[in-house]
Structure formats: structure tokens, C-alpha cells
PDB file of all heavy atoms in Angstrom:
ATOM      1  N   VAL A   1     -28.651 -59.175-118.405  1.00  0.00           N
ATOM      2  CA  VAL A   1     -28.169 -59.807-117.180  1.00  0.00           C
ATOM      3  C   VAL A   1     -29.381 -60.407-116.473  1.00  0.00           C
ATOM      4  O   VAL A   1     -30.523 -60.140-116.840  1.00  0.00           O
ATOM      5  CB  VAL A   1     -27.442 -58.800-116.257  1.00  0.00           C
ATOM      6  CG1 VAL A   1     -26.204 -58.244-116.942  1.00  0.00           C
ATOM      7  CG2 VAL A   1     -28.369 -57.686-115.806  1.00  0.00           C
ATOM      8  N   ARG A   2     -29.123 -61.206-115.452  1.00  0.00           N
ATOM      9  CA  ARG A   2     -30.223 -61.751-114.659  1.00  0.00           C
ATOM     10  C   ARG A   2     -29.855 -61.701-113.186  1.00  0.00           C
ATOM     11  O   ARG A   2     -28.772 -61.272-112.832  1.00  0.00           O
ATOM     12  CB  ARG A   2     -30.568 -63.166-115.101  1.00  0.00           C
ATOM     13  CG  ARG A   2     -29.525 -64.213-114.820  1.00  0.00           C
ATOM     14  CD  ARG A   2     -29.960 -65.519-115.426  1.00  0.00           C
ATOM     15  NE  ARG A   2     -29.298 -66.655-114.801  1.00  0.00           N
ATOM     16  CZ  ARG A   2     -29.727 -67.893-114.902  1.00  0.00           C
ATOM     17  NH1 ARG A   2     -30.825 -68.157-115.574  1.00  0.00           N
ATOM     18  NH2 ARG A   2     -29.073 -68.874-114.339  1.00  0.00           N
ATOM     19  N   ASP A   3     -30.764 -62.147-112.333  1.00  0.00           N
ATOM     20  CA  ASP A   3     -30.573 -62.091-110.878  1.00  0.00           C
ATOM     21  C   ASP A   3     -30.401 -60.646-110.433  1.00  0.00           C
ATOM     22  O   ASP A   3     -29.542 -60.318-109.615  1.00  0.00           O
ATOM     23  CB  ASP A   3     -29.368 -62.940-110.435  1.00  0.00           C
ATOM     24  CG  ASP A   3     -29.436 -64.378-110.913  1.00  0.00           C
ATOM     25  OD1 ASP A   3     -30.520 -64.985-110.827  1.00  0.00           O
ATOM     26  OD2 ASP A   3     -28.399 -64.888-111.387  1.00  0.00           O
ATOM     27  N   SER A   4     -31.230 -59.773-110.965  1.00  0.00           N
ATOM     28  CA  SER A   4     -31.040 -58.329-110.751  1.00  0.00           C
ATOM     29  C   SER A   4     -31.121 -57.922-109.284  1.00  0.00           C
ATOM     30  O   SER A   4     -30.394 -57.005-108.869  1.00  0.00           O
ATOM     31  CB  SER A   4     -32.030 -57.522-111.588  1.00  0.00           C
ATOM     32  OG  SER A   4     -33.355 -57.841-111.240  1.00  0.00           O
ATOM     33  N   ALA A   5     -31.946 -58.564-108.484  1.00  0.00           N
ATOM     34  CA  ALA A   5     -32.021 -58.207-107.066  1.00  0.00           C
ATOM     35  C   ALA A   5     -30.672 -58.470-106.392  1.00  0.00           C
ATOM     36  O   ALA A   5     -30.176 -57.635-105.615  1.00  0.00           O
ATOM     37  CB  ALA A   5     -33.132 -58.982-106.371  1.00  0.00           C
ATOM     38  N   GLU A   6     -30.066 -59.604-106.703  1.00  0.00           N
ATOM     39  CA  GLU A   6     -28.762 -59.939-106.124  1.00  0.00           C
ATOM     40  C   GLU A   6     -27.666 -59.032-106.683  1.00  0.00           C
ATOM     41  O   GLU A   6     -26.778 -58.599-105.945  1.00  0.00           O
ATOM     42  CB  GLU A   6     -28.412 -61.406-106.391  1.00  0.00           C
ATOM     43  CG  GLU A   6     -29.295 -62.397-105.656  1.00  0.00           C
ATOM     44  CD  GLU A   6     -30.597 -62.720-106.391  1.00  0.00           C
ATOM     45  OE1 GLU A   6     -30.903 -62.078-107.428  1.00  0.00           O
ATOM     46  OE2 GLU A   6     -31.318 -63.615-105.917  1.00  0.00           O
ATOM     47  N   LEU A   7     -27.700 -58.734-107.983  1.00  0.00           N
ATOM     48  CA  LEU A   7     -26.693 -57.855-108.581  1.00  0.00           C
ATOM     49  C   LEU A   7     -26.709 -56.489-107.907  1.00  0.00           C
ATOM     50  O   LEU A   7     -25.666 -55.873-107.694  1.00  0.00           O
ATOM     51  CB  LEU A   7     -26.921 -57.692-110.080  1.00  0.00           C
ATOM     52  CG  LEU A   7     -26.794 -58.939-110.953  1.00  0.00           C
ATOM     53  CD1 LEU A   7     -26.993 -58.571-112.419  1.00  0.00           C
ATOM     54  CD2 LEU A   7     -25.483 -59.647-110.744  1.00  0.00           C
ATOM     55  N   GLY A   8     -27.888 -56.005-107.575  1.00  0.00           N
ATOM     56  CA  GLY A   8     -28.015 -54.704-106.932  1.00  0.00           C
ATOM     57  C   GLY A   8     -27.424 -54.636-105.539  1.00  0.00           C
ATOM     58  O   GLY A   8     -27.219 -53.554-105.004  1.00  0.00           O
ATOM     59  N   GLN A   9     -27.133 -55.789-104.949  1.00  0.00           N
ATOM     60  CA  GLN A   9     -26.531 -55.842-103.615  1.00  0.00           C
ATOM     61  C   GLN A   9     -25.012 -55.993-103.652  1.00  0.00           C
ATOM     62  O   GLN A   9     -24.348 -55.887-102.626  1.00  0.00           O
ATOM     63  CB  GLN A   9     -27.131 -57.013-102.815  1.00  0.00           C
ATOM     64  CG  GLN A   9     -28.627 -56.917-102.625  1.00  0.00           C
ATOM     65  CD  GLN A   9     -29.031 -55.659-101.879  1.00  0.00           C
ATOM     66  OE1 GLN A   9     -28.460 -55.342-100.835  1.00  0.00           O
ATOM     67  NE2 GLN A   9     -29.986 -54.934-102.425  1.00  0.00           N
ATOM     68  N   LEU A  10     -24.456 -56.227-104.823  1.00  0.00           N
ATOM     69  CA  LEU A  10     -23.013 -56.470-104.930  1.00  0.00           C
ATOM     70  C   LEU A  10     -22.234 -55.165-105.095  1.00  0.00           C
ATOM     71  O   LEU A  10     -22.683 -54.263-105.805  1.00  0.00           O
ATOM     72  CB  LEU A  10     -22.719 -57.395-106.117  1.00  0.00           C
ATOM     73  CG  LEU A  10     -23.218 -58.824-105.985  1.00  0.00           C
ATOM     74  CD1 LEU A  10     -23.001 -59.580-107.292  1.00  0.00           C
ATOM     75  CD2 LEU A  10     -22.523 -59.531-104.836  1.00  0.00           C
ATOM     76  N   PRO A  11     -21.061 -55.067-104.487  1.00  0.00           N
ATOM     77  CA  PRO A  11     -20.250 -53.850-104.577  1.00  0.00           C
ATOM     78  C   PRO A  11     -19.445 -53.774-105.880  1.00  0.00           C
ATOM     79  O   PRO A  11     -18.212 -53.790-105.878  1.00  0.00           O
ATOM     80  CB  PRO A  11     -19.350 -53.942-103.345  1.00  0.00           C
ATOM     81  CG  PRO A  11     -19.148 -55.419-103.151  1.00  0.00           C
ATOM     82  CD  PRO A  11     -20.463 -56.043-103.562  1.00  0.00           C
ATOM     83  N   ILE A  12     -20.170 -53.709-106.992  1.00  0.00           N
ATOM     84  CA  ILE A  12     -19.541 -53.613-108.304  1.00  0.00           C
ATOM     85  C   ILE A  12     -20.491 -52.856-109.224  1.00  0.00           C
ATOM     86  O   ILE A  12     -21.711 -52.938-109.079  1.00  0.00           O
ATOM     87  CB  ILE A  12     -19.217 -55.017-108.877  1.00  0.00           C
ATOM     88  CG1 ILE A  12     -18.390 -54.904-110.170  1.00  0.00           C
ATOM     89  CG2 ILE A  12     -20.473 -55.841-109.049  1.00  0.00           C
ATOM     90  CD1 ILE A  12     -17.820 -56.228-110.660  1.00  0.00           C
ATOM     91  N   GLY A  13     -19.912 -52.122-110.164  1.00  0.00           N
ATOM     92  CA  GLY A  13     -20.725 -51.447-111.163  1.00  0.00           C
ATOM     93  C   GLY A  13     -21.085 -52.416-112.269  1.00  0.00           C
ATOM     94  O   GLY A  13     -20.216 -53.126-112.792  1.00  0.00           O
ATOM     95  N   ILE A  14     -22.365 -52.475-112.611  1.00  0.00           N
ATOM     96  CA  ILE A  14     -22.825 -53.316-113.717  1.00  0.00           C
ATOM     97  C   ILE A  14     -23.862 -52.525-114.488  1.00  0.00           C
ATOM     98  O   ILE A  14     -24.824 -52.012-113.902  1.00  0.00           O
ATOM     99  CB  ILE A  14     -23.450 -54.642-113.234  1.00  0.00           C
ATOM    100  CG1 ILE A  14     -22.469 -55.424-112.374  1.00  0.00           C
ATOM    101  CG2 ILE A  14     -23.916 -55.471-114.427  1.00  0.00           C
ATOM    102  CD1 ILE A  14     -23.067 -56.654-111.701  1.00  0.00           C
ATOM    103  N   MET A  15     -23.663 -52.433-115.805  1.00  0.00           N
ATOM    104  CA  MET A  15     -24.639 -51.796-116.677  1.00  0.00           C
ATOM    105  C   MET A  15     -25.012 -52.787-117.772  1.00  0.00           C
ATOM    106  O   MET A  15     -24.155 -53.532-118.249  1.00  0.00           O
ATOM    107  CB  MET A  15     -24.084 -50.519-117.294  1.00  0.00           C
ATOM    108  CG  MET A  15     -23.809 -49.418-116.291  1.00  0.00           C
ATOM    109  SD  MET A  15     -23.178 -47.918-117.076  1.00  0.00           S
ATOM    110  CE  MET A  15     -24.725 -47.178-117.622  1.00  0.00           C
ATOM    111  N   ALA A  16     -26.278 -52.773-118.173  1.00  0.00           N
ATOM    112  CA  ALA A  16     -26.761 -53.670-119.218  1.00  0.00           C
ATOM    113  C   ALA A  16     -27.970 -53.040-119.898  1.00  0.00           C
ATOM    114  O   ALA A  16     -28.549 -52.079-119.388  1.00  0.00           O
ATOM    115  CB  ALA A  16     -27.135 -55.024-118.624  1.00  0.00           C
ATOM    116  N   LEU A  17     -28.341 -53.610-121.028  1.00  0.00           N
ATOM    117  CA  LEU A  17     -29.533 -53.139-121.728  1.00  0.00           C
ATOM    118  C   LEU A  17     -30.809 -53.484-120.973  1.00  0.00           C
ATOM    119  O   LEU A  17     -31.744 -52.693-120.920  1.00  0.00           O
ATOM    120  CB  LEU A  17     -29.617 -53.763-123.126  1.00  0.00           C
ATOM    121  CG  LEU A  17     -28.624 -53.280-124.164  1.00  0.00           C
ATOM    122  CD1 LEU A  17     -28.769 -54.098-125.446  1.00  0.00           C
ATOM    123  CD2 LEU A  17     -28.822 -51.797-124.450  1.00  0.00           C
ATOM    124  N   ALA A  18     -30.869 -54.701-120.413  1.00  0.00           N
ATOM    125  CA  ALA A  18     -32.092 -55.179-119.782  1.00  0.00           C
ATOM    126  C   ALA A  18     -31.783 -56.399-118.923  1.00  0.00           C
ATOM    127  O   ALA A  18     -30.645 -56.864-118.874  1.00  0.00           O
ATOM    128  CB  ALA A  18     -33.116 -55.550-120.862  1.00  0.00           C
ATOM    129  N   THR A  19     -32.831 -56.902-118.287  1.00  0.00           N
ATOM    130  CA  THR A  19     -32.721 -58.157-117.557  1.00  0.00           C
ATOM    131  C   THR A  19     -33.514 -59.225-118.309  1.00  0.00           C
ATOM    132  O   THR A  19     -34.450 -58.925-119.059  1.00  0.00           O
ATOM    133  CB  THR A  19     -33.273 -58.033-116.122  1.00  0.00           C
ATOM    134  OG1 THR A  19     -34.635 -57.622-116.183  1.00  0.00           O
ATOM    135  CG2 THR A  19     -32.453 -57.035-115.320  1.00  0.00           C
ATOM    136  N   HIS A  20     -33.096 -60.475-118.116  1.00  0.00           N
ATOM    137  CA  HIS A  20     -33.765 -61.612-118.755  1.00  0.00           C
ATOM    138  C   HIS A  20     -33.513 -62.831-117.876  1.00  0.00           C
ATOM    139  O   HIS A  20     -32.376 -63.068-117.473  1.00  0.00           O
ATOM    140  CB  HIS A  20     -33.184 -61.835-120.157  1.00  0.00           C
ATOM    141  CG  HIS A  20     -34.036 -62.673-121.027  1.00  0.00           C
ATOM    142  ND1 HIS A  20     -34.253 -64.018-120.791  1.00  0.00           N
ATOM    143  CD2 HIS A  20     -34.743 -62.373-122.136  1.00  0.00           C
ATOM    144  CE1 HIS A  20     -35.053 -64.509-121.720  1.00  0.00           C
ATOM    145  NE2 HIS A  20     -35.368 -63.525-122.551  1.00  0.00           N
ATOM    146  N   PRO A  21     -34.527 -63.636-117.594  1.00  0.00           N
ATOM    147  CA  PRO A  21     -34.321 -64.771-116.695  1.00  0.00           C
ATOM    148  C   PRO A  21     -33.592 -65.972-117.299  1.00  0.00           C
ATOM    149  O   PRO A  21     -33.036 -66.792-116.569  1.00  0.00           O
ATOM    150  CB  PRO A  21     -35.745 -65.163-116.292  1.00  0.00           C
ATOM    151  CG  PRO A  21     -36.596 -64.709-117.421  1.00  0.00           C
ATOM    152  CD  PRO A  21     -35.933 -63.454-117.951  1.00  0.00           C
ATOM    153  N   ARG A  22     -33.540 -66.077-118.619  1.00  0.00           N
ATOM    154  CA  ARG A  22     -32.929 -67.246-119.253  1.00  0.00           C
ATOM    155  C   ARG A  22     -31.400 -67.144-119.242  1.00  0.00           C
ATOM    156  O   ARG A  22     -30.835 -66.111-119.549  1.00  0.00           O
ATOM    157  CB  ARG A  22     -33.412 -67.392-120.690  1.00  0.00           C
ATOM    158  CG  ARG A  22     -32.935 -68.677-121.362  1.00  0.00           C
ATOM    159  CD  ARG A  22     -33.447 -68.829-122.787  1.00  0.00           C
ATOM    160  NE  ARG A  22     -34.875 -68.629-122.908  1.00  0.00           N
ATOM    161  CZ  ARG A  22     -35.818 -69.559-122.669  1.00  0.00           C
ATOM    162  NH1 ARG A  22     -35.459 -70.758-122.263  1.00  0.00           N
ATOM    163  NH2 ARG A  22     -37.089 -69.279-122.830  1.00  0.00           N
ATOM    164  N   ARG A  23     -30.736 -68.264-118.928  1.00  0.00           N
ATOM    165  CA  ARG A  23     -29.272 -68.302-118.974  1.00  0.00           C
ATOM    166  C   ARG A  23     -28.802 -68.476-120.415  1.00  0.00           C
ATOM    167  O   ARG A  23     -29.546 -68.930-121.289  1.00  0.00           O
ATOM    168  CB  ARG A  23     -28.733 -69.412-118.096  1.00  0.00           C
ATOM    169  CG  ARG A  23     -29.031 -70.777-118.625  1.00  0.00           C
ATOM    170  CD  ARG A  23     -28.473 -71.850-117.721  1.00  0.00           C
ATOM    171  NE  ARG A  23     -28.873 -73.154-118.249  1.00  0.00           N
ATOM    172  CZ  ARG A  23     -28.961 -74.235-117.535  1.00  0.00           C
ATOM    173  NH1 ARG A  23     -28.683 -74.213-116.258  1.00  0.00           N
ATOM    174  NH2 ARG A  23     -29.328 -75.371-118.087  1.00  0.00           N
ATOM    175  N   SER A  24     -27.541 -68.167-120.626  1.00  0.00           N
ATOM    176  CA  SER A  24     -26.968 -68.319-121.963  1.00  0.00           C
ATOM    177  C   SER A  24     -26.538 -69.764-122.190  1.00  0.00           C
ATOM    178  O   SER A  24     -26.506 -70.569-121.262  1.00  0.00           O
ATOM    179  CB  SER A  24     -25.762 -67.391-122.130  1.00  0.00           C
ATOM    180  OG  SER A  24     -24.635 -67.934-121.476  1.00  0.00           O
ATOM    181  N   VAL A  25     -26.154 -70.043-123.422  1.00  0.00           N
ATOM    182  CA  VAL A  25     -25.566 -71.344-123.728  1.00  0.00           C
ATOM    183  C   VAL A  25     -24.092 -71.314-123.324  1.00  0.00           C
ATOM    184  O   VAL A  25     -23.529 -70.255-123.040  1.00  0.00           O
ATOM    185  CB  VAL A  25     -25.712 -71.693-125.229  1.00  0.00           C
ATOM    186  CG1 VAL A  25     -27.175 -71.813-125.604  1.00  0.00           C
ATOM    187  CG2 VAL A  25     -24.996 -70.685-126.097  1.00  0.00           C
ATOM    188  N   LYS A  26     -23.468 -72.467-123.325  1.00  0.00           N
ATOM    189  CA  LYS A  26     -22.055 -72.596-122.948  1.00  0.00           C
ATOM    190  C   LYS A  26     -21.348 -73.422-124.017  1.00  0.00           C
ATOM    191  O   LYS A  26     -21.227 -74.625-123.901  1.00  0.00           O
ATOM    192  CB  LYS A  26     -21.911 -73.285-121.592  1.00  0.00           C
ATOM    193  CG  LYS A  26     -22.842 -72.777-120.516  1.00  0.00           C
ATOM    194  CD  LYS A  26     -22.225 -71.670-119.719  1.00  0.00           C
ATOM    195  CE  LYS A  26     -23.043 -71.282-118.509  1.00  0.00           C
ATOM    196  NZ  LYS A  26     -24.206 -70.483-118.761  1.00  0.00           N
ATOM    197  N   ARG A  27     -20.903 -72.751-125.073  1.00  0.00           N
ATOM    198  CA  ARG A  27     -20.195 -73.440-126.156  1.00  0.00           C
ATOM    199  C   ARG A  27     -18.723 -73.040-126.223  1.00  0.00           C
ATOM    200  O   ARG A  27     -17.991 -73.527-127.069  1.00  0.00           O
ATOM    201  CB  ARG A  27     -20.862 -73.127-127.498  1.00  0.00           C
ATOM    202  CG  ARG A  27     -22.238 -73.745-127.669  1.00  0.00           C
ATOM    203  CD  ARG A  27     -22.765 -73.527-129.074  1.00  0.00           C
ATOM    204  NE  ARG A  27     -22.936 -72.115-129.362  1.00  0.00           N
ATOM    205  CZ  ARG A  27     -24.100 -71.453-129.331  1.00  0.00           C
ATOM    206  NH1 ARG A  27     -25.209 -72.099-129.041  1.00  0.00           N
ATOM    207  NH2 ARG A  27     -24.160 -70.177-129.615  1.00  0.00           N
ATOM    208  N   GLY A  28     -18.313 -72.103-125.380  1.00  0.00           N
ATOM    209  CA  GLY A  28     -16.923 -71.661-125.407  1.00  0.00           C
ATOM    210  C   GLY A  28     -16.598 -70.769-126.584  1.00  0.00           C
ATOM    211  O   GLY A  28     -15.439 -70.689-126.996  1.00  0.00           O
ATOM    212  N   GLU A  29     -17.606 -70.093-127.139  1.00  0.00           N
ATOM    213  CA  GLU A  29     -17.393 -69.254-128.314  1.00  0.00           C
ATOM    214  C   GLU A  29     -17.247 -67.790-127.914  1.00  0.00           C
ATOM    215  O   GLU A  29     -17.767 -67.356-126.908  1.00  0.00           O
ATOM    216  CB  GLU A  29     -18.570 -69.413-129.280  1.00  0.00           C
ATOM    217  CG  GLU A  29     -18.701 -70.821-129.809  1.00  0.00           C
ATOM    218  CD  GLU A  29     -19.935 -71.020-130.668  1.00  0.00           C
ATOM    219  OE1 GLU A  29     -20.747 -70.082-130.795  1.00  0.00           O
ATOM    220  OE2 GLU A  29     -20.083 -72.119-131.205  1.00  0.00           O
TER     221      GLU A  29
END
């Protein structure tokens, strides 16, 4: 996931392996 500082402020549970600044591709797959 990314934007970890912002994610930590949101009222939702999120778990991930790590953080990474690069966004994913968008191919609809």
C-alpha cells in the first residue's frame, strides 16, 4: 500500500505486507 501516513488516519482496518511509493498499473485485469 502507499500513502501510509494518510491511511493511518482513516477509520478503517488495513493490513499489508509493506508500503511502496509507486502506483500500480491500470489494465483492468
